[in-house]
Protein backbone atom coordinates (compact mmCIF):
# COMPACT_ATOMS: atom_id res chain seq x y z
CA MET A 1 42.88 -9.20 141.74
CA ILE A 2 41.36 -8.68 145.52
CA SER A 3 43.69 -5.04 145.32
CA TRP A 4 42.02 -4.29 141.83
CA LEU A 5 39.09 -4.91 143.26
CA ARG A 6 39.40 -2.93 146.35
CA THR A 7 40.80 -0.23 144.15
CA LEU A 8 37.83 -0.09 142.13
CA HIS A 9 35.19 0.51 145.11
CA GLY A 10 37.43 3.01 146.51
CA LEU A 11 37.14 5.06 143.39
CA ARG A 12 33.39 4.26 143.43
CA HIS A 13 33.36 5.59 147.06
CA THR A 14 35.16 8.59 146.03
CA HIS A 15 32.78 9.19 143.19
CA VAL A 16 29.46 9.04 145.26
CA SER A 17 31.24 11.23 148.07
CA GLN A 18 32.13 14.09 145.43
CA LEU A 19 28.84 14.21 144.15
CA ILE A 20 27.28 14.37 147.53
CA ALA A 21 30.01 16.88 148.57
CA ALA A 22 29.06 19.05 145.24
CA GLY A 23 25.25 18.98 146.42
CA LEU A 24 23.88 16.28 143.53
CA ASP A 25 20.48 14.62 144.52
CA VAL A 26 20.62 11.32 146.24
CA LEU A 27 18.07 9.64 143.14
CA THR A 28 20.85 11.39 140.29
CA ILE A 29 23.63 9.55 142.19
CA SER A 30 21.44 6.62 142.88
CA ARG A 31 20.85 6.32 139.03
CA ARG A 32 24.40 6.91 138.54
CA ILE A 33 25.95 3.81 140.08
CA GLY A 34 23.02 1.68 139.38
CA HIS A 35 21.33 0.91 142.41
CA ALA A 36 17.98 -0.58 142.29
CA SER A 37 17.01 2.50 144.39
CA ALA A 38 17.91 5.74 146.26
CA SER A 39 17.25 4.11 149.31
CA ILE A 40 20.02 1.72 148.80
CA THR A 41 22.13 4.35 148.40
CA LEU A 42 21.02 6.32 151.44
CA ASN A 43 21.56 2.89 153.21
CA VAL A 44 25.79 2.75 152.10
CA TYR A 45 25.83 6.69 151.95
CA GLY A 46 23.87 8.37 154.22
CA HIS A 47 26.07 9.61 156.77
CA LEU A 48 27.77 11.74 154.02
CA PHE A 49 23.92 13.90 153.29
CA ALA A 50 24.49 15.10 157.69
CA ASN A 51 25.78 18.33 156.69
CA THR A 52 22.61 19.35 154.58
CA ASP A 53 20.69 19.94 157.15
CA ALA A 54 22.47 23.58 158.01
CA ARG A 55 22.22 24.41 154.36
CA ALA A 56 18.57 23.48 154.68
CA ALA A 57 17.88 25.89 157.36
CA GLU A 58 19.68 28.74 155.32
CA ILE A 59 17.36 28.42 152.55
CA MET A 60 14.46 28.72 154.79
CA GLU A 61 15.71 31.78 156.52
CA ALA A 62 16.01 33.27 153.53
CA THR A 63 12.88 32.16 151.72
CA PHE A 64 11.03 33.40 155.08
CA THR A 65 13.08 36.75 154.63
CA LYS A 66 11.99 37.56 151.73
CA VAL A 67 8.51 36.75 152.44
CA VAL A 68 8.80 39.36 155.28
CA GLN A 69 10.05 41.88 153.20
CA THR A 70 7.43 41.54 150.47
CA ALA A 71 4.86 41.51 152.64
CA ASN A 72 6.25 45.00 154.06
């Protein structure tokens, strides 16, 4: 039974990892896996969100580029 539980835990972790990699927000993930709050999800899986800063910078750069182009 222990190996069965580990397999389910591994499946759960893979599930969450794939949702994060696909860009799903932490609140939706937290609700989907049954955590009482998004902070629990972030405490457990926060390290997987680490690569999102570059994407955030790209989004803001594109936004500011549009603003400058519109102003000119």
